[in-house]
C-alpha atoms as a PDB file:
ATOM      1  CA  MET A   1     -11.597 -15.607  12.213  1.00  0.00           C
ATOM      2  CA  GLY A   2      -8.967 -13.470  13.225  1.00  0.00           C
ATOM      3  CA  VAL A   3     -10.141 -10.435  15.373  1.00  0.00           C
ATOM      4  CA  TRP A   4      -8.308  -7.590  17.072  1.00  0.00           C
ATOM      5  CA  GLN A   5     -10.233  -5.924  20.053  1.00  0.00           C
ATOM      6  CA  ILE A   6      -9.399  -2.087  19.718  1.00  0.00           C
ATOM      7  CA  GLY A   7     -10.499   0.204  22.360  1.00  0.00           C
ATOM      8  CA  THR A   8     -11.609   3.971  21.357  1.00  0.00           C
ATOM      9  CA  ASP A   9      -8.385   5.342  22.781  1.00  0.00           C
ATOM     10  CA  THR A  10      -6.232   3.038  20.634  1.00  0.00           C
ATOM     11  CA  LEU A  11      -8.275   3.785  17.573  1.00  0.00           C
ATOM     12  CA  ALA A  12      -8.213   7.520  18.319  1.00  0.00           C
ATOM     13  CA  GLN A  13      -4.409   7.510  18.635  1.00  0.00           C
ATOM     14  CA  SER A  14      -3.912   5.206  15.621  1.00  0.00           C
ATOM     15  CA  ARG A  15      -2.103   6.586  12.504  1.00  0.00           C
ATOM     16  CA  PHE A  16      -1.555   6.180   8.788  1.00  0.00           C
ATOM     17  CA  THR A  17       2.185   5.978   7.888  1.00  0.00           C
ATOM     18  CA  VAL A  18       4.551   4.966   4.930  1.00  0.00           C
ATOM     19  CA  SER A  19       7.062   2.235   5.379  1.00  0.00           C
ATOM     20  CA  ALA A  20      10.128   1.815   2.937  1.00  0.00           C
ATOM     21  CA  LEU A  21      10.675  -1.564   4.456  1.00  0.00           C
ATOM     22  CA  ALA A  22       6.970  -2.896   4.103  1.00  0.00           C
ATOM     23  CA  GLU A  23       7.236  -1.640   0.332  1.00  0.00           C
ATOM     24  CA  THR A  24      10.423  -3.482  -0.123  1.00  0.00           C
ATOM     25  CA  ILE A  25       8.728  -6.826   1.249  1.00  0.00           C
ATOM     26  CA  ALA A  26       5.900  -6.162  -1.258  1.00  0.00           C
ATOM     27  CA  ASN A  27       8.483  -6.006  -3.984  1.00  0.00           C
ATOM     28  CA  LEU A  28      10.325  -9.210  -2.850  1.00  0.00           C
ATOM     29  CA  HIS A  29       6.942 -11.059  -3.163  1.00  0.00           C
ATOM     30  CA  ILE A  30       6.447  -9.800  -6.672  1.00  0.00           C
ATOM     31  CA  LEU A  31       9.984 -10.620  -7.771  1.00  0.00           C
ATOM     32  CA  ASP A  32       9.623 -14.174  -6.420  1.00  0.00           C
ATOM     33  CA  GLY A  33       6.357 -14.590  -8.420  1.00  0.00           C
ATOM     34  CA  ARG A  34       4.354 -15.220  -5.468  1.00  0.00           C
ATOM     35  CA  ALA A  35       2.209 -11.934  -5.981  1.00  0.00           C
ATOM     36  CA  ALA A  36       1.056 -10.281  -8.981  1.00  0.00           C
ATOM     37  CA  ALA A  37       1.556  -6.561  -9.622  1.00  0.00           C
ATOM     38  CA  PRO A  38      -1.737  -5.460 -10.823  1.00  0.00           C
ATOM     39  CA  GLY A  39      -2.097  -2.224 -12.991  1.00  0.00           C
ATOM     40  CA  ARG A  40       1.627  -1.357 -12.956  1.00  0.00           C
ATOM     41  CA  ARG A  41       4.863  -2.233 -14.647  1.00  0.00           C
ATOM     42  CA  ALA A  42       6.152  -5.560 -13.566  1.00  0.00           C
ATOM     43  CA  HIS A  43       9.867  -6.112 -12.814  1.00  0.00           C
ATOM     44  CA  SER A  44      12.151  -6.142 -15.946  1.00  0.00           C
ATOM     45  CA  ARG A  45      13.732  -9.297 -17.005  1.00  0.00           C
ATOM     46  CA  ALA A  46      17.166  -7.989 -15.999  1.00  0.00           C
ATOM     47  CA  GLN A  47      15.748  -7.355 -12.462  1.00  0.00           C
ATOM     48  CA  ILE A  48      14.539 -11.113 -12.079  1.00  0.00           C
ATOM     49  CA  ALA A  49      17.513 -12.432 -13.484  1.00  0.00           C
ATOM     50  CA  ALA A  50      19.835 -10.284 -11.098  1.00  0.00           C
ATOM     51  CA  TYR A  51      17.329 -11.526  -8.222  1.00  0.00           C
ATOM     52  CA  ARG A  52      17.826 -15.296  -9.181  1.00  0.00           C
ATOM     53  CA  GLU A  53      21.570 -14.600  -9.399  1.00  0.00           C
ATOM     54  CA  ARG A  54      21.357 -13.039  -5.812  1.00  0.00           C
ATOM     55  CA  LEU A  55      19.655 -16.278  -4.501  1.00  0.00           C
ATOM     56  CA  ALA A  56      22.004 -18.723  -6.209  1.00  0.00           C
ATOM     57  CA  ALA A  57      24.998 -16.629  -4.471  1.00  0.00           C
ATOM     58  CA  ASP A  58      23.383 -17.821  -0.834  1.00  0.00           C
ATOM     59  CA  PRO A  59      21.791 -21.258  -0.935  1.00  0.00           C
ATOM     60  CA  VAL A  60      20.355 -20.556   2.758  1.00  0.00           C
ATOM     61  CA  VAL A  61      18.629 -17.525   1.663  1.00  0.00           C
ATOM     62  CA  ALA A  62      17.453 -19.349  -1.501  1.00  0.00           C
ATOM     63  CA  LEU A  63      15.962 -22.107   0.856  1.00  0.00           C
ATOM     64  CA  PHE A  64      14.521 -19.475   3.135  1.00  0.00           C
ATOM     65  CA  VAL A  65      12.603 -17.769   0.109  1.00  0.00           C
ATOM     66  CA  ARG A  66      11.539 -21.135  -1.301  1.00  0.00           C
ATOM     67  CA  ASN A  67      10.024 -22.415   1.932  1.00  0.00           C
ATOM     68  CA  VAL A  68       9.149 -19.316   3.981  1.00  0.00           C
ATOM     69  CA  VAL A  69       8.302 -16.225   1.763  1.00  0.00           C
ATOM     70  CA  LYS A  70       4.601 -16.975   1.336  1.00  0.00           C
ATOM     71  CA  ALA A  71       1.860 -14.497   0.120  1.00  0.00           C
ATOM     72  CA  ASN A  72      -0.303 -15.761   3.074  1.00  0.00           C
ATOM     73  CA  TRP A  73       2.101 -15.869   5.820  1.00  0.00           C
ATOM     74  CA  MET A  74       5.699 -14.639   6.809  1.00  0.00           C
ATOM     75  CA  PRO A  75       7.807 -14.611   9.846  1.00  0.00           C
ATOM     76  CA  ASP A  76       7.029 -11.503  11.976  1.00  0.00           C
ATOM     77  CA  PHE A  77      10.752 -10.329  11.998  1.00  0.00           C
ATOM     78  CA  MET A  78      10.784  -9.762   8.426  1.00  0.00           C
ATOM     79  CA  SER A  79       8.360  -7.001   8.283  1.00  0.00           C
ATOM     80  CA  PRO A  80       8.165  -5.382  11.710  1.00  0.00           C
ATOM     81  CA  PRO A  81       5.851  -2.173  12.147  1.00  0.00           C
ATOM     82  CA  PRO A  82       8.064   0.902  12.114  1.00  0.00           C
ATOM     83  CA  SER A  83       8.770   2.746  15.306  1.00  0.00           C
ATOM     84  CA  PRO A  84       8.298   6.432  15.994  1.00  0.00           C
ATOM     85  CA  GLU A  85      12.010   6.873  15.489  1.00  0.00           C
ATOM     86  CA  ASP A  86      12.417   5.080  12.253  1.00  0.00           C
ATOM     87  CA  ARG A  87      13.064   7.709   9.580  1.00  0.00           C
ATOM     88  CA  THR A  88      14.754   5.782   6.662  1.00  0.00           C
ATOM     89  CA  PHE A  89      14.696   2.075   5.253  1.00  0.00           C
ATOM     90  CA  HIS A  90      17.688   1.530   7.161  1.00  0.00           C
ATOM     91  CA  ASP A  91      16.393   2.580  10.360  1.00  0.00           C
ATOM     92  CA  GLU A  92      13.561  -0.063   9.831  1.00  0.00           C
ATOM     93  CA  LEU A  93      16.096  -2.701   8.491  1.00  0.00           C
ATOM     94  CA  ARG A  94      17.910  -2.232  11.809  1.00  0.00           C
ATOM     95  CA  SER A  95      15.114  -4.191  13.640  1.00  0.00           C
ATOM     96  CA  VAL A  96      15.472  -7.226  11.279  1.00  0.00           C
ATOM     97  CA  ARG A  97      19.140  -7.426  11.721  1.00  0.00           C
ATOM     98  CA  GLN A  98      18.895  -7.300  15.663  1.00  0.00           C
ATOM     99  CA  THR A  99      16.359 -10.094  15.775  1.00  0.00           C
ATOM    100  CA  PRO A 100      18.032 -13.149  17.886  1.00  0.00           C
ATOM    101  CA  ALA A 101      18.592 -15.988  15.673  1.00  0.00           C
ATOM    102  CA  VAL A 102      16.504 -18.153  18.285  1.00  0.00           C
ATOM    103  CA  VAL A 103      13.559 -15.828  17.771  1.00  0.00           C
ATOM    104  CA  ALA A 104      13.734 -15.758  14.062  1.00  0.00           C
ATOM    105  CA  LEU A 105      13.938 -19.523  13.923  1.00  0.00           C
ATOM    106  CA  ALA A 106      10.767 -19.974  16.190  1.00  0.00           C
ATOM    107  CA  GLU A 107       8.796 -17.653  13.891  1.00  0.00           C
ATOM    108  CA  VAL A 108       9.940 -19.592  10.895  1.00  0.00           C
ATOM    109  CA  ALA A 109       8.724 -22.753  12.643  1.00  0.00           C
ATOM    110  CA  THR A 110       5.361 -21.015  13.072  1.00  0.00           C
ATOM    111  CA  ALA A 111       5.181 -19.937   9.445  1.00  0.00           C
ATOM    112  CA  LEU A 112       6.008 -23.442   8.340  1.00  0.00           C
ATOM    113  CA  GLY A 113       3.704 -25.065  10.735  1.00  0.00           C
ATOM    114  CA  GLY A 114       6.118 -27.287  12.134  1.00  0.00           C
ATOM    115  CA  SER A 115       9.781 -28.067  12.202  1.00  0.00           C
ATOM    116  CA  VAL A 116      12.624 -25.897  10.611  1.00  0.00           C
ATOM    117  CA  PRO A 117      14.703 -27.424   7.882  1.00  0.00           C
ATOM    118  CA  PRO A 118      18.147 -28.071   9.306  1.00  0.00           C
ATOM    119  CA  ALA A 119      19.998 -25.815   6.442  1.00  0.00           C
ATOM    120  CA  LEU A 120      18.157 -22.895   7.885  1.00  0.00           C
ATOM    121  CA  ALA A 121      19.311 -23.129  11.465  1.00  0.00           C
ATOM    122  CA  VAL A 122      22.184 -21.013  11.072  1.00  0.00           C
ATOM    123  CA  PRO A 123      23.239 -18.138  13.588  1.00  0.00           C
ATOM    124  CA  ASP A 124      23.183 -15.346  11.186  1.00  0.00           C
ATOM    125  CA  LEU A 125      19.876 -16.153   9.405  1.00  0.00           C
ATOM    126  CA  PRO A 126      18.519 -12.633  10.441  1.00  0.00           C
ATOM    127  CA  ASP A 127      21.487 -10.995   8.801  1.00  0.00           C
ATOM    128  CA  ARG A 128      21.120 -13.052   5.660  1.00  0.00           C
ATOM    129  CA  VAL A 129      17.399 -12.042   5.205  1.00  0.00           C
ATOM    130  CA  ALA A 130      18.192  -8.421   5.990  1.00  0.00           C
ATOM    131  CA  ASP A 131      20.783  -8.572   3.343  1.00  0.00           C
ATOM    132  CA  LEU A 132      18.511  -9.929   0.880  1.00  0.00           C
ATOM    133  CA  THR A 133      15.936  -7.261   1.694  1.00  0.00           C
ATOM    134  CA  GLN A 134      18.556  -4.595   1.372  1.00  0.00           C
ATOM    135  CA  TRP A 135      19.257  -5.938  -2.095  1.00  0.00           C
ATOM    136  CA  VAL A 136      15.563  -5.641  -3.218  1.00  0.00           C
ATOM    137  CA  TRP A 137      15.354  -2.254  -1.796  1.00  0.00           C
ATOM    138  CA  SER A 138      18.415  -0.951  -3.743  1.00  0.00           C
ATOM    139  CA  HIS A 139      17.497  -2.765  -6.983  1.00  0.00           C
ATOM    140  CA  THR A 140      13.849  -2.393  -7.193  1.00  0.00           C
ATOM    141  CA  VAL A 141      12.437   0.254  -4.801  1.00  0.00           C
ATOM    142  CA  ARG A 142      14.985   3.126  -4.130  1.00  0.00           C
ATOM    143  CA  PRO A 143      15.003   4.254  -7.619  1.00  0.00           C
ATOM    144  CA  TYR A 144      11.426   5.034  -7.501  1.00  0.00           C
ATOM    145  CA  TRP A 145      10.834   5.619  -3.931  1.00  0.00           C
ATOM    146  CA  PRO A 146      10.334   9.486  -3.894  1.00  0.00           C
ATOM    147  CA  SER A 147       7.484   9.246  -6.400  1.00  0.00           C
ATOM    148  CA  ARG A 148       5.906   6.045  -4.962  1.00  0.00           C
ATOM    149  CA  ARG A 149       6.076   7.668  -1.436  1.00  0.00           C
ATOM    150  CA  ARG A 150       4.103  10.709  -2.842  1.00  0.00           C
ATOM    151  CA  ILE A 151       1.490   8.220  -4.013  1.00  0.00           C
ATOM    152  CA  PHE A 152       1.314   6.564  -0.608  1.00  0.00           C
ATOM    153  CA  GLU A 153       0.843   9.859   1.018  1.00  0.00           C
ATOM    154  CA  ALA A 154      -1.725  10.836  -1.349  1.00  0.00           C
ATOM    155  CA  ASP A 155      -3.576   7.593  -0.568  1.00  0.00           C
ATOM    156  CA  ILE A 156      -3.254   8.349   3.168  1.00  0.00           C
ATOM    157  CA  VAL A 157      -4.785  11.951   2.710  1.00  0.00           C
ATOM    158  CA  SER A 158      -7.898  10.104   0.907  1.00  0.00           C
ATOM    159  CA  ARG A 159      -8.236   7.463   3.579  1.00  0.00           C
ATOM    160  CA  THR A 160      -8.168  10.284   6.530  1.00  0.00           C
ATOM    161  CA  GLN A 161     -11.043  11.916   4.484  1.00  0.00           C
ATOM    162  CA  GLN A 162     -12.758   8.765   4.349  1.00  0.00           C
ATOM    163  CA  ILE A 163     -12.920   8.510   8.209  1.00  0.00           C
ATOM    164  CA  SER A 164     -13.957  12.266   8.530  1.00  0.00           C
ATOM    165  CA  VAL A 165     -16.892  11.657   6.204  1.00  0.00           C
ATOM    166  CA  GLY A 166     -17.892   7.999   6.870  1.00  0.00           C
ATOM    167  CA  GLY A 167     -16.131   6.916  10.033  1.00  0.00           C
ATOM    168  CA  TRP A 168     -13.654   4.177  10.852  1.00  0.00           C
ATOM    169  CA  ALA A 169     -16.212   1.686   9.738  1.00  0.00           C
ATOM    170  CA  THR A 170     -16.423   2.835   6.079  1.00  0.00           C
ATOM    171  CA  ALA A 171     -12.425   3.361   5.875  1.00  0.00           C
ATOM    172  CA  LEU A 172     -11.461  -0.125   7.506  1.00  0.00           C
ATOM    173  CA  SER A 173     -13.892  -2.228   5.745  1.00  0.00           C
ATOM    174  CA  GLY A 174     -12.723  -1.514   2.479  1.00  0.00           C
ATOM    175  CA  MET A 175      -8.939  -1.477   3.284  1.00  0.00           C
ATOM    176  CA  ARG A 176      -7.919  -4.946   2.417  1.00  0.00           C
ATOM    177  CA  GLN A 177      -9.470  -8.307   1.617  1.00  0.00           C
ATOM    178  CA  GLY A 178     -10.979 -10.042   4.373  1.00  0.00           C
ATOM    179  CA  MET A 179     -10.891  -7.192   6.916  1.00  0.00           C
ATOM    180  CA  ARG A 180     -13.950  -5.374   8.103  1.00  0.00           C
ATOM    181  CA  TRP A 181     -15.429  -3.457  11.048  1.00  0.00           C
ATOM    182  CA  LEU A 182     -17.607  -5.590  13.217  1.00  0.00           C
ATOM    183  CA  GLY A 183     -18.627  -3.079  15.771  1.00  0.00           C
ATOM    184  CA  ASP A 184     -18.231  -2.973  19.526  1.00  0.00           C
ATOM    185  CA  GLY A 185     -14.458  -2.184  18.989  1.00  0.00           C
ATOM    186  CA  ARG A 186     -13.901  -5.585  16.886  1.00  0.00           C
ATOM    187  CA  LEU A 187     -11.711  -5.590  13.938  1.00  0.00           C
ATOM    188  CA  GLN A 188     -11.712  -8.624  11.689  1.00  0.00           C
ATOM    189  CA  ILE A 189      -8.107  -8.718  10.133  1.00  0.00           C
ATOM    190  CA  ASN A 190      -8.764 -12.014   8.175  1.00  0.00           C
ATOM    191  CA  THR A 191     -10.597 -15.068   7.957  1.00  0.00           C
ATOM    192  CA  TYR A 192      -8.218 -17.522   9.853  1.00  0.00           C
ATOM    193  CA  GLU A 193      -9.358 -19.202  12.887  1.00  0.00           C
ATOM    194  CA  HIS A 194      -6.890 -17.333  15.398  1.00  0.00           C
ATOM    195  CA  PRO A 195      -7.828 -16.310  19.053  1.00  0.00           C
ATOM    196  CA  PRO A 196      -8.795 -12.726  19.246  1.00  0.00           C
ATOM    197  CA  ARG A 197      -5.986 -10.077  20.370  1.00  0.00           C
ATOM    198  CA  ASP A 198      -6.636  -7.151  22.725  1.00  0.00           C
ATOM    199  CA  LEU A 199      -4.775  -4.097  21.292  1.00  0.00           C
ATOM    200  CA  ALA A 200      -5.232  -2.085  24.445  1.00  0.00           C
ATOM    201  CA  ASP A 201      -2.414   0.367  25.002  1.00  0.00           C
ATOM    202  CA  ALA A 202      -0.837  -0.686  21.795  1.00  0.00           C
ATOM    203  CA  GLN A 203      -0.040   1.666  18.797  1.00  0.00           C
ATOM    204  CA  LEU A 204      -2.122   0.833  15.602  1.00  0.00           C
ATOM    205  CA  LEU A 205      -0.407   1.545  12.355  1.00  0.00           C
ATOM    206  CA  PHE A 206      -2.001   1.464   8.750  1.00  0.00           C
ATOM    207  CA  ILE A 207       0.438   1.131   5.943  1.00  0.00           C
ATOM    208  CA  PRO A 208      -0.152   1.480   2.318  1.00  0.00           C
ATOM    209  CA  THR A 209       1.874  -0.583  -0.444  1.00  0.00           C
ATOM    210  CA  THR A 210       1.807  -1.832  -3.839  1.00  0.00           C
ATOM    211  CA  ALA A 211       0.977  -5.348  -2.361  1.00  0.00           C
ATOM    212  CA  GLN A 212      -1.795  -7.102  -3.979  1.00  0.00           C
ATOM    213  CA  ARG A 213      -3.415  -8.306  -0.726  1.00  0.00           C
ATOM    214  CA  GLY A 214      -1.317  -7.116   2.285  1.00  0.00           C
ATOM    215  CA  TRP A 215      -0.823  -8.442   5.536  1.00  0.00           C
ATOM    216  CA  VAL A 216      -0.632  -7.790   9.246  1.00  0.00           C
ATOM    217  CA  ALA A 217       2.506  -7.081  11.332  1.00  0.00           C
ATOM    218  CA  TRP A 218       3.220  -6.747  15.125  1.00  0.00           C
ATOM    219  CA  ASP A 219       5.993  -6.125  17.647  1.00  0.00           C
ATOM    220  CA  GLN A 220       3.852  -7.464  20.588  1.00  0.00           C
ATOM    221  CA  PRO A 221       2.557  -5.747  22.702  1.00  0.00           C
ATOM    222  CA  HIS A 222       3.758  -2.355  21.710  1.00  0.00           C
ATOM    223  CA  ARG A 223       2.848  -1.892  17.927  1.00  0.00           C
ATOM    224  CA  TYR A 224       0.518  -3.746  15.534  1.00  0.00           C
ATOM    225  CA  ALA A 225       0.114  -2.806  11.669  1.00  0.00           C
ATOM    226  CA  VAL A 226      -2.072  -3.475   8.950  1.00  0.00           C
ATOM    227  CA  VAL A 227      -0.343  -3.431   5.689  1.00  0.00           C
ATOM    228  CA  TYR A 228      -2.978  -2.784   2.847  1.00  0.00           C
ATOM    229  CA  PRO A 229      -3.148  -2.309  -0.815  1.00  0.00           C
ATOM    230  CA  CYS A 230      -2.820   1.225  -2.072  1.00  0.00           C
ATOM    231  CA  ALA A 231      -6.265   1.550  -3.764  1.00  0.00           C
ATOM    232  CA  GLY A 232      -6.488   2.768  -7.306  1.00  0.00           C
ATOM    233  CA  LEU A 233      -2.812   3.985  -7.208  1.00  0.00           C
ATOM    234  CA  PHE A 234      -1.064   1.324  -9.284  1.00  0.00           C
ATOM    235  CA  ALA A 235      -0.915   3.290 -12.619  1.00  0.00           C
ATOM    236  CA  GLU A 236       2.586   4.924 -13.557  1.00  0.00           C
ATOM    237  CA  ALA A 237       2.983   8.454 -12.498  1.00  0.00           C
ATOM    238  CA  GLY A 238       1.813  10.723 -15.603  1.00  0.00           C
ATOM    239  CA  GLN A 239      -0.574   8.238 -16.997  1.00  0.00           C
ATOM    240  CA  THR A 240      -4.368   8.646 -16.780  1.00  0.00           C
ATOM    241  CA  MET A 241      -7.255   6.393 -17.363  1.00  0.00           C
ATOM    242  CA  ALA A 242      -9.377   9.102 -19.011  1.00  0.00           C
ATOM    243  CA  PRO A 243     -11.300   8.215 -22.005  1.00  0.00           C
ATOM    244  CA  ARG A 244      -9.552   9.450 -25.313  1.00  0.00           C
ATOM    245  CA  ALA A 245     -12.748  11.440 -26.337  1.00  0.00           C
ATOM    246  CA  LEU A 246     -12.617  13.365 -23.109  1.00  0.00           C
ATOM    247  CA  GLY A 247      -8.835  14.042 -23.641  1.00  0.00           C
ATOM    248  CA  ALA A 248      -9.648  15.478 -26.992  1.00  0.00           C
ATOM    249  CA  LEU A 249     -12.500  17.568 -25.631  1.00  0.00           C
ATOM    250  CA  LEU A 250     -10.664  19.015 -22.494  1.00  0.00           C
ATOM    251  CA  GLY A 251      -7.092  18.381 -23.236  1.00  0.00           C
ATOM    252  CA  PRO A 252      -5.229  15.282 -21.568  1.00  0.00           C
ATOM    253  CA  VAL A 253      -4.356  17.185 -18.451  1.00  0.00           C
ATOM    254  CA  ARG A 254      -7.558  18.389 -17.504  1.00  0.00           C
ATOM    255  CA  ALA A 255      -9.382  15.146 -18.638  1.00  0.00           C
ATOM    256  CA  GLY A 256      -6.873  13.107 -16.286  1.00  0.00           C
ATOM    257  CA  LEU A 257      -7.726  15.446 -13.376  1.00  0.00           C
ATOM    258  CA  LEU A 258     -11.382  15.343 -14.016  1.00  0.00           C
ATOM    259  CA  ASN A 259     -11.271  11.505 -14.095  1.00  0.00           C
ATOM    260  CA  GLN A 260      -9.433  11.394 -10.837  1.00  0.00           C
ATOM    261  CA  LEU A 261     -11.957  13.493  -9.020  1.00  0.00           C
ATOM    262  CA  ASP A 262     -14.492  10.540  -8.734  1.00  0.00           C
ATOM    263  CA  THR A 263     -13.720  11.150  -4.872  1.00  0.00           C
ATOM    264  CA  PRO A 264     -12.821  14.353  -3.175  1.00  0.00           C
ATOM    265  CA  LYS A 265      -8.834  15.012  -3.363  1.00  0.00           C
ATOM    266  CA  SER A 266      -6.501  17.780  -2.482  1.00  0.00           C
ATOM    267  CA  THR A 267      -4.050  19.425  -4.789  1.00  0.00           C
ATOM    268  CA  THR A 268      -1.350  17.464  -3.106  1.00  0.00           C
ATOM    269  CA  GLN A 269      -3.104  14.136  -3.884  1.00  0.00           C
ATOM    270  CA  LEU A 270      -3.465  15.059  -7.621  1.00  0.00           C
ATOM    271  CA  VAL A 271       0.246  16.147  -8.018  1.00  0.00           C
ATOM    272  CA  ALA A 272       1.134  12.670  -6.698  1.00  0.00           C
ATOM    273  CA  LEU A 273      -1.386  10.806  -8.844  1.00  0.00           C
ATOM    274  CA  SER A 274      -0.940  12.633 -12.108  1.00  0.00           C
ATOM    275  CA  GLY A 275       2.812  13.307 -12.073  1.00  0.00           C
ATOM    276  CA  TYR A 276       2.288  16.798 -12.950  1.00  0.00           C
ATOM    277  CA  GLY A 277       3.915  19.888 -11.031  1.00  0.00           C
ATOM    278  CA  LEU A 278       1.811  21.773  -8.617  1.00  0.00           C
ATOM    279  CA  GLY A 279       1.525  24.886 -10.820  1.00  0.00           C
ATOM    280  CA  THR A 280       0.128  22.725 -13.559  1.00  0.00           C
ATOM    281  CA  VAL A 281      -2.405  21.113 -11.466  1.00  0.00           C
ATOM    282  CA  GLY A 282      -3.475  24.374  -9.892  1.00  0.00           C
ATOM    283  CA  ARG A 283      -3.638  26.183 -13.341  1.00  0.00           C
ATOM    284  CA  HIS A 284      -5.903  23.259 -14.832  1.00  0.00           C
ATOM    285  CA  LEU A 285      -8.217  23.013 -11.553  1.00  0.00           C
ATOM    286  CA  LYS A 286      -8.951  26.644 -11.883  1.00  0.00           C
ATOM    287  CA  ILE A 287     -10.211  26.146 -15.463  1.00  0.00           C
ATOM    288  CA  LEU A 288     -12.273  23.131 -14.393  1.00  0.00           C
ATOM    289  CA  LEU A 289     -13.743  25.206 -11.702  1.00  0.00           C
ATOM    290  CA  ASP A 290     -14.575  28.192 -13.927  1.00  0.00           C
ATOM    291  CA  ALA A 291     -16.251  25.491 -16.266  1.00  0.00           C
ATOM    292  CA  ARG A 292     -18.285  24.302 -13.186  1.00  0.00           C
ATOM    293  CA  LEU A 293     -17.137  20.977 -13.903  1.00  0.00           C
ATOM    294  CA  VAL A 294     -15.752  20.833 -10.354  1.00  0.00           C
ATOM    295  CA  HIS A 295     -16.377  22.208  -7.042  1.00  0.00           C
ATOM    296  CA  ARG A 296     -14.084  22.816  -4.086  1.00  0.00           C
ATOM    297  CA  ARG A 297     -14.486  22.748  -0.282  1.00  0.00           C
ATOM    298  CA  ARG A 298     -12.291  23.084   2.909  1.00  0.00           C
ATOM    299  CA  SER A 299     -11.785  20.128   5.043  1.00  0.00           C
ATOM    300  CA  GLY A 300      -9.405  21.088   7.761  1.00  0.00           C
ATOM    301  CA  ARG A 301      -6.400  22.295   6.551  1.00  0.00           C
ATOM    302  CA  SER A 302      -6.896  20.900   3.110  1.00  0.00           C
ATOM    303  CA  VAL A 303      -9.012  22.088   0.151  1.00  0.00           C
ATOM    304  CA  LEU A 304     -10.744  19.316  -1.437  1.00  0.00           C
ATOM    305  CA  TYR A 305     -11.980  19.284  -5.268  1.00  0.00           C
ATOM    306  CA  TYR A 306     -14.431  16.951  -6.452  1.00  0.00           C
ATOM    307  CA  ARG A 307     -16.667  16.700  -9.749  1.00  0.00           C
ATOM    308  CA  THR A 308     -20.005  18.351  -9.995  1.00  0.00           C
ATOM    309  CA  SER A 309     -22.957  16.581 -11.403  1.00  0.00           C
ATOM    310  CA  THR A 310     -22.222  17.874 -14.832  1.00  0.00           C
ATOM    311  CA  GLY A 311     -18.638  16.563 -14.472  1.00  0.00           C
ATOM    312  CA  ASP A 312     -19.926  13.313 -13.315  1.00  0.00           C
ATOM    313  CA  GLN A 313     -22.064  13.149 -16.426  1.00  0.00           C
ATOM    314  CA  LEU A 314     -19.487  14.113 -18.856  1.00  0.00           C
ATOM    315  CA  VAL A 315     -17.047  11.491 -17.524  1.00  0.00           C
ATOM    316  CA  ARG A 316     -19.766   8.905 -17.335  1.00  0.00           C
ATOM    317  CA  VAL A 317     -20.979   9.272 -21.033  1.00  0.00           C
ATOM    318  CA  GLN A 318     -17.445   9.645 -22.473  1.00  0.00           C
ATOM    319  CA  THR A 319     -16.496   6.389 -20.525  1.00  0.00           C
ATOM    320  CA  GLU A 320     -19.488   4.431 -21.671  1.00  0.00           C
ATOM    321  CA  THR A 321     -19.005   5.233 -25.329  1.00  0.00           C
ATOM    322  CA  ASP A 322     -15.220   5.109 -25.583  1.00  0.00           C
ATOM    323  CA  PRO A 323     -14.255   1.713 -27.097  1.00  0.00           C
ATOM    324  CA  SER A 324     -10.683   2.167 -25.307  1.00  0.00           C
ATOM    325  CA  SER A 325     -12.316   1.779 -21.958  1.00  0.00           C
ATOM    326  CA  GLY A 326     -13.444  -1.627 -22.706  1.00  0.00           C
ATOM    327  CA  ARG A 327     -17.127  -0.592 -21.777  1.00  0.00           C
ATOM    328  CA  ARG A 328     -20.138   0.165 -23.718  1.00  0.00           C
ATOM    329  CA  SER A 329     -23.437   1.831 -23.107  1.00  0.00           C
ATOM    330  CA  ASP A 330     -26.457  -0.299 -22.135  1.00  0.00           C
ATOM    331  CA  HIS A 331     -28.883   2.006 -23.447  1.00  0.00           C
END
């Protein structure tokens, strides 16, 4: 299995961050039909048709996608971990463009497990891949990036709280499929038979995306990244999964907020998850507090809201008896 050896200093200095490039690569996989988009709206037929036209216009890129872009492995140069200086998508994409062709082709050979198709051995392959990535960004990510970024930032706040409550073992073990904390500074990142890697003196990043499974990336020996699925946040902004009966009882906004508070969340997280404004969320949280359906507590600079036992019971009973939830009571 693939194991990263992570010292206490590396783990203490690791950080969560948002990457527009990583989200764009996740959308490339979805557009190409190599990954599902669970729980959220799939790309429109027009987007998929435009994507196929874009591939048809560049046979080299089409061959690259058909042979190299895989859900389980990709060349390292396609998705490098963001550097501290990167602020925008184009900052991140610059690293892809600047990859020497010989390096890119060597990574393609590794991804394919053998030789590179002769048609891919072109001197401008990194530029062509970067152009396709920029197209995916412009057509499928950039229009929704502000709201999606807020959702990712909310997930980061939630993960950080997990660490403060349960430690790194809890936060890392549930982050992505096949990954778990083994103890003694060992992080299993996948189940492949790869030699262990020592991340001493390296920067370790954790990046949420809408990818179904996620992946790992590195710019050796400086930066390593774990790209993970943004847990439970695939619903479109403004929608809630609250039972209809609960919405009728409390009102749709309060029902949605109460439903989200199965784990402690800040006002900022609730704004991102619900799609409602800060004032609206704050006003309805006060009503839920006054009704003793939620509590609040301070954690560092954040104020976290969470359901009381009464709130838990209310949501549970309504979920078990609501036909729209697809569940029924076993009593």
